[in-house]
Amino acid sequence: MMIYQGNPKHKHPLQPGRRGSLCPKSISIQPQKLLEQSILGSDGKRYATCDGRCFCAQEGVPPDHWHGYPVGWREVPENIWREWKANGKITRRDLSQYW
């Protein structure tokens, strides 16, 4: 079972001296549910989409504990975003807005 475990460096306000992309203050789905709906990429990371944005999750310690953060579409394996586009989960506008 995968368990979402948040990381403070991706939360508002930006943490001094810490790098990382900030998660949106609100998304229409809970992080655990987003993780459960994610797709495993060939790089070992998991990818999910919500509200036109893409999120990436990496496994942490202990095993099966994941933390996620927003990424640009260029970081998502092409086969994954093409599948989402074909299935109507994302639009061309989503891709261009967060590329």
N, C-alpha and C. Protein backbone atom coordinates (compact mmCIF):
# COMPACT_ATOMS: atom_id res chain seq x y z
N MET A 1 0.84 -1.19 0.00
CA MET A 1 0.00 0.00 0.00
C MET A 1 0.88 1.25 0.00
N MET A 2 0.55 2.19 -0.84
CA MET A 2 1.28 3.45 -0.91
C MET A 2 0.67 4.45 0.07
N ILE A 3 1.53 5.15 0.79
CA ILE A 3 1.08 6.14 1.77
C ILE A 3 1.68 7.48 1.42
N TYR A 4 0.83 8.50 1.32
CA TYR A 4 1.32 9.85 1.05
C TYR A 4 1.87 10.45 2.33
N GLN A 5 3.06 11.01 2.23
CA GLN A 5 3.69 11.66 3.36
C GLN A 5 4.23 13.01 2.86
N GLY A 6 3.57 14.08 3.25
CA GLY A 6 3.94 15.41 2.77
C GLY A 6 5.33 15.82 3.22
N ASN A 7 5.91 16.76 2.48
CA ASN A 7 7.22 17.30 2.80
C ASN A 7 7.05 18.80 2.95
N PRO A 8 7.48 19.38 4.09
CA PRO A 8 7.25 20.81 4.33
C PRO A 8 7.91 21.74 3.31
N LYS A 9 8.92 21.28 2.59
CA LYS A 9 9.57 22.18 1.63
C LYS A 9 8.69 22.49 0.43
N HIS A 10 7.60 21.76 0.25
CA HIS A 10 6.70 22.01 -0.87
C HIS A 10 5.43 22.75 -0.44
N LYS A 11 5.40 23.25 0.80
CA LYS A 11 4.22 23.92 1.32
C LYS A 11 4.48 25.40 1.52
N HIS A 12 3.40 26.19 1.48
CA HIS A 12 3.49 27.63 1.72
C HIS A 12 3.67 27.86 3.21
N PRO A 13 4.39 28.85 3.66
CA PRO A 13 5.25 29.72 2.85
C PRO A 13 6.54 29.00 2.49
N LEU A 14 7.24 29.54 1.50
CA LEU A 14 8.50 28.97 1.06
C LEU A 14 9.47 28.91 2.24
N GLN A 15 10.10 27.79 2.43
CA GLN A 15 11.01 27.59 3.55
C GLN A 15 12.38 28.19 3.21
N PRO A 16 12.90 29.10 4.03
CA PRO A 16 14.21 29.70 3.75
C PRO A 16 15.30 28.63 3.62
N GLY A 17 16.09 28.74 2.58
CA GLY A 17 17.20 27.82 2.39
C GLY A 17 16.82 26.46 1.83
N ARG A 18 15.56 26.23 1.54
CA ARG A 18 15.13 24.93 1.01
C ARG A 18 14.64 25.09 -0.41
N ARG A 19 15.01 24.16 -1.24
CA ARG A 19 14.59 24.19 -2.64
C ARG A 19 13.43 23.24 -2.85
N GLY A 20 12.59 23.56 -3.78
CA GLY A 20 11.47 22.69 -4.13
C GLY A 20 10.32 23.50 -4.67
N SER A 21 9.53 22.89 -5.53
CA SER A 21 8.37 23.59 -6.08
C SER A 21 7.25 23.58 -5.05
N LEU A 22 6.52 24.69 -5.00
CA LEU A 22 5.43 24.81 -4.04
C LEU A 22 4.15 24.19 -4.59
N CYS A 23 3.49 23.43 -3.75
CA CYS A 23 2.20 22.85 -4.13
C CYS A 23 1.15 23.96 -4.11
N PRO A 24 0.17 23.87 -5.01
CA PRO A 24 -0.91 24.87 -4.98
C PRO A 24 -1.61 24.84 -3.63
N LYS A 25 -2.10 26.00 -3.20
CA LYS A 25 -2.76 26.06 -1.89
C LYS A 25 -4.00 25.19 -1.84
N SER A 26 -4.65 25.03 -2.99
CA SER A 26 -5.81 24.16 -3.01
C SER A 26 -5.85 23.41 -4.34
N ILE A 27 -6.15 22.14 -4.25
CA ILE A 27 -6.41 21.33 -5.43
C ILE A 27 -7.70 20.58 -5.15
N SER A 28 -8.35 20.10 -6.19
CA SER A 28 -9.68 19.53 -6.02
C SER A 28 -9.67 18.06 -5.57
N ILE A 29 -8.51 17.54 -5.23
CA ILE A 29 -8.42 16.15 -4.80
C ILE A 29 -7.36 16.04 -3.70
N GLN A 30 -7.58 15.14 -2.77
CA GLN A 30 -6.63 14.94 -1.67
C GLN A 30 -5.36 14.27 -2.17
N PRO A 31 -4.20 14.62 -1.58
CA PRO A 31 -2.93 14.04 -2.03
C PRO A 31 -2.89 12.50 -2.02
N GLN A 32 -3.48 11.86 -1.02
CA GLN A 32 -3.49 10.40 -0.97
C GLN A 32 -4.24 9.82 -2.16
N LYS A 33 -5.36 10.42 -2.50
CA LYS A 33 -6.15 9.96 -3.64
C LYS A 33 -5.39 10.19 -4.94
N LEU A 34 -4.69 11.31 -5.03
CA LEU A 34 -3.88 11.61 -6.21
C LEU A 34 -2.79 10.56 -6.37
N LEU A 35 -2.16 10.18 -5.28
CA LEU A 35 -1.13 9.13 -5.31
C LEU A 35 -1.72 7.81 -5.78
N GLU A 36 -2.88 7.47 -5.28
CA GLU A 36 -3.52 6.21 -5.66
C GLU A 36 -3.90 6.17 -7.14
N GLN A 37 -4.16 7.33 -7.74
CA GLN A 37 -4.52 7.41 -9.15
C GLN A 37 -3.31 7.58 -10.07
N SER A 38 -2.13 7.65 -9.49
CA SER A 38 -0.93 7.94 -10.27
C SER A 38 -0.49 6.76 -11.13
N ILE A 39 0.35 7.09 -12.10
CA ILE A 39 0.90 6.10 -13.02
C ILE A 39 2.40 6.01 -12.77
N LEU A 40 2.91 4.79 -12.69
CA LEU A 40 4.34 4.58 -12.49
C LEU A 40 5.08 4.79 -13.79
N GLY A 41 6.07 5.68 -13.76
CA GLY A 41 6.91 5.93 -14.92
C GLY A 41 8.11 5.00 -14.95
N SER A 42 8.78 4.94 -16.07
CA SER A 42 9.95 4.08 -16.21
C SER A 42 11.10 4.55 -15.33
N ASP A 43 11.02 5.78 -14.83
CA ASP A 43 12.06 6.33 -13.96
C ASP A 43 11.84 6.02 -12.48
N GLY A 44 10.78 5.25 -12.17
CA GLY A 44 10.49 4.88 -10.79
C GLY A 44 9.65 5.90 -10.05
N LYS A 45 9.36 7.03 -10.68
CA LYS A 45 8.51 8.05 -10.08
C LYS A 45 7.07 7.80 -10.52
N ARG A 46 6.14 8.36 -9.77
CA ARG A 46 4.73 8.22 -10.09
C ARG A 46 4.20 9.58 -10.52
N TYR A 47 3.29 9.60 -11.50
CA TYR A 47 2.76 10.83 -12.05
C TYR A 47 1.25 10.83 -12.00
N ALA A 48 0.69 11.99 -11.65
CA ALA A 48 -0.76 12.15 -11.60
C ALA A 48 -1.10 13.55 -12.08
N THR A 49 -2.34 13.73 -12.50
CA THR A 49 -2.78 15.04 -12.96
C THR A 49 -4.07 15.44 -12.24
N CYS A 50 -4.17 16.75 -11.99
CA CYS A 50 -5.35 17.29 -11.32
C CYS A 50 -5.43 18.77 -11.67
N ASP A 51 -6.61 19.23 -12.06
CA ASP A 51 -6.85 20.64 -12.36
C ASP A 51 -5.88 21.19 -13.41
N GLY A 52 -5.53 20.36 -14.39
CA GLY A 52 -4.66 20.79 -15.48
C GLY A 52 -3.19 20.84 -15.14
N ARG A 53 -2.83 20.44 -13.94
CA ARG A 53 -1.43 20.44 -13.51
C ARG A 53 -0.95 19.00 -13.37
N CYS A 54 0.35 18.85 -13.34
CA CYS A 54 0.92 17.53 -13.15
C CYS A 54 1.70 17.49 -11.85
N PHE A 55 1.65 16.33 -11.21
CA PHE A 55 2.35 16.11 -9.95
C PHE A 55 3.19 14.86 -10.07
N CYS A 56 4.33 14.90 -9.42
CA CYS A 56 5.25 13.78 -9.42
C CYS A 56 5.42 13.32 -7.97
N ALA A 57 5.53 12.03 -7.76
CA ALA A 57 5.76 11.49 -6.42
C ALA A 57 7.00 10.61 -6.45
N GLN A 58 7.79 10.73 -5.39
CA GLN A 58 8.98 9.90 -5.24
C GLN A 58 8.86 9.12 -3.95
N GLU A 59 9.32 7.89 -4.02
CA GLU A 59 9.28 7.04 -2.82
C GLU A 59 10.35 7.50 -1.84
N GLY A 60 9.99 7.52 -0.59
CA GLY A 60 10.91 7.95 0.45
C GLY A 60 11.25 6.82 1.40
N VAL A 61 11.55 7.20 2.61
CA VAL A 61 11.88 6.25 3.67
C VAL A 61 10.83 6.46 4.75
N PRO A 62 10.22 5.42 5.25
CA PRO A 62 10.36 4.01 4.90
C PRO A 62 9.72 3.71 3.54
N PRO A 63 9.99 2.51 3.01
CA PRO A 63 9.40 2.13 1.71
C PRO A 63 7.88 2.27 1.73
N ASP A 64 7.33 2.51 0.56
CA ASP A 64 5.90 2.70 0.36
C ASP A 64 5.37 4.02 0.91
N HIS A 65 6.25 4.91 1.37
CA HIS A 65 5.87 6.26 1.76
C HIS A 65 6.35 7.21 0.66
N TRP A 66 5.44 8.00 0.14
CA TRP A 66 5.73 8.84 -1.02
C TRP A 66 5.49 10.30 -0.69
N HIS A 67 6.30 11.19 -1.25
CA HIS A 67 6.01 12.62 -1.18
C HIS A 67 5.88 13.13 -2.60
N GLY A 68 5.00 14.10 -2.79
CA GLY A 68 4.73 14.59 -4.13
C GLY A 68 4.90 16.09 -4.23
N TYR A 69 4.99 16.56 -5.46
CA TYR A 69 5.19 17.98 -5.74
C TYR A 69 4.80 18.25 -7.18
N PRO A 70 4.45 19.50 -7.48
CA PRO A 70 4.09 19.84 -8.86
C PRO A 70 5.32 19.89 -9.75
N VAL A 71 5.14 19.49 -11.01
CA VAL A 71 6.21 19.54 -12.00
C VAL A 71 5.65 20.11 -13.30
N GLY A 72 6.55 20.56 -14.15
CA GLY A 72 6.15 21.00 -15.48
C GLY A 72 5.93 19.79 -16.37
N TRP A 73 5.14 19.96 -17.40
CA TRP A 73 4.83 18.83 -18.28
C TRP A 73 6.05 18.24 -18.95
N ARG A 74 7.10 19.06 -19.16
CA ARG A 74 8.30 18.53 -19.82
C ARG A 74 9.01 17.48 -18.96
N GLU A 75 8.69 17.43 -17.67
CA GLU A 75 9.30 16.44 -16.77
C GLU A 75 8.54 15.11 -16.75
N VAL A 76 7.37 15.11 -17.35
CA VAL A 76 6.52 13.90 -17.38
C VAL A 76 6.89 13.07 -18.61
N PRO A 77 7.07 11.76 -18.44
CA PRO A 77 7.35 10.93 -19.61
C PRO A 77 6.27 11.14 -20.68
N GLU A 78 6.72 11.26 -21.92
CA GLU A 78 5.81 11.58 -23.02
C GLU A 78 4.67 10.59 -23.16
N ASN A 79 4.95 9.30 -22.96
CA ASN A 79 3.89 8.32 -23.12
C ASN A 79 2.76 8.52 -22.10
N ILE A 80 3.09 9.05 -20.93
CA ILE A 80 2.07 9.27 -19.90
C ILE A 80 1.19 10.47 -20.27
N TRP A 81 1.81 11.63 -20.60
CA TRP A 81 0.96 12.78 -20.90
C TRP A 81 0.20 12.59 -22.20
N ARG A 82 0.75 11.83 -23.13
CA ARG A 82 0.00 11.57 -24.38
C ARG A 82 -1.24 10.70 -24.08
N GLU A 83 -1.09 9.73 -23.19
CA GLU A 83 -2.24 8.89 -22.80
C GLU A 83 -3.32 9.74 -22.14
N TRP A 84 -2.92 10.63 -21.24
CA TRP A 84 -3.89 11.51 -20.58
C TRP A 84 -4.59 12.42 -21.58
N LYS A 85 -3.83 12.92 -22.55
CA LYS A 85 -4.41 13.80 -23.56
C LYS A 85 -5.42 13.03 -24.41
N ALA A 86 -5.06 11.81 -24.81
CA ALA A 86 -5.95 10.98 -25.61
C ALA A 86 -7.23 10.63 -24.85
N ASN A 87 -7.13 10.48 -23.52
CA ASN A 87 -8.28 10.12 -22.69
C ASN A 87 -9.06 11.34 -22.20
N GLY A 88 -8.63 12.53 -22.58
CA GLY A 88 -9.34 13.74 -22.18
C GLY A 88 -9.07 14.22 -20.76
N LYS A 89 -8.05 13.67 -20.10
CA LYS A 89 -7.73 14.11 -18.74
C LYS A 89 -7.04 15.47 -18.74
N ILE A 90 -6.35 15.78 -19.81
CA ILE A 90 -5.69 17.07 -19.95
C ILE A 90 -5.97 17.61 -21.35
N THR A 91 -5.74 18.89 -21.51
CA THR A 91 -5.96 19.53 -22.81
C THR A 91 -4.64 20.09 -23.34
N ARG A 92 -4.66 20.49 -24.57
CA ARG A 92 -3.48 21.12 -25.16
C ARG A 92 -3.16 22.41 -24.41
N ARG A 93 -4.19 23.11 -23.96
CA ARG A 93 -3.98 24.33 -23.18
C ARG A 93 -3.26 24.04 -21.86
N ASP A 94 -3.63 22.94 -21.18
CA ASP A 94 -2.94 22.54 -19.95
C ASP A 94 -1.45 22.35 -20.23
N LEU A 95 -1.17 21.65 -21.32
CA LEU A 95 0.24 21.38 -21.67
C LEU A 95 1.00 22.67 -21.92
N SER A 96 0.41 23.59 -22.65
CA SER A 96 1.13 24.83 -22.97
C SER A 96 1.24 25.75 -21.76
N GLN A 97 0.26 25.72 -20.87
CA GLN A 97 0.28 26.60 -19.71
C GLN A 97 1.35 26.20 -18.71
N TYR A 98 1.58 24.93 -18.50
CA TYR A 98 2.53 24.47 -17.49
C TYR A 98 3.73 23.74 -18.09
N TRP A 99 4.05 24.02 -19.35
CA TRP A 99 5.17 23.34 -20.00
C TRP A 99 6.46 23.79 -19.36
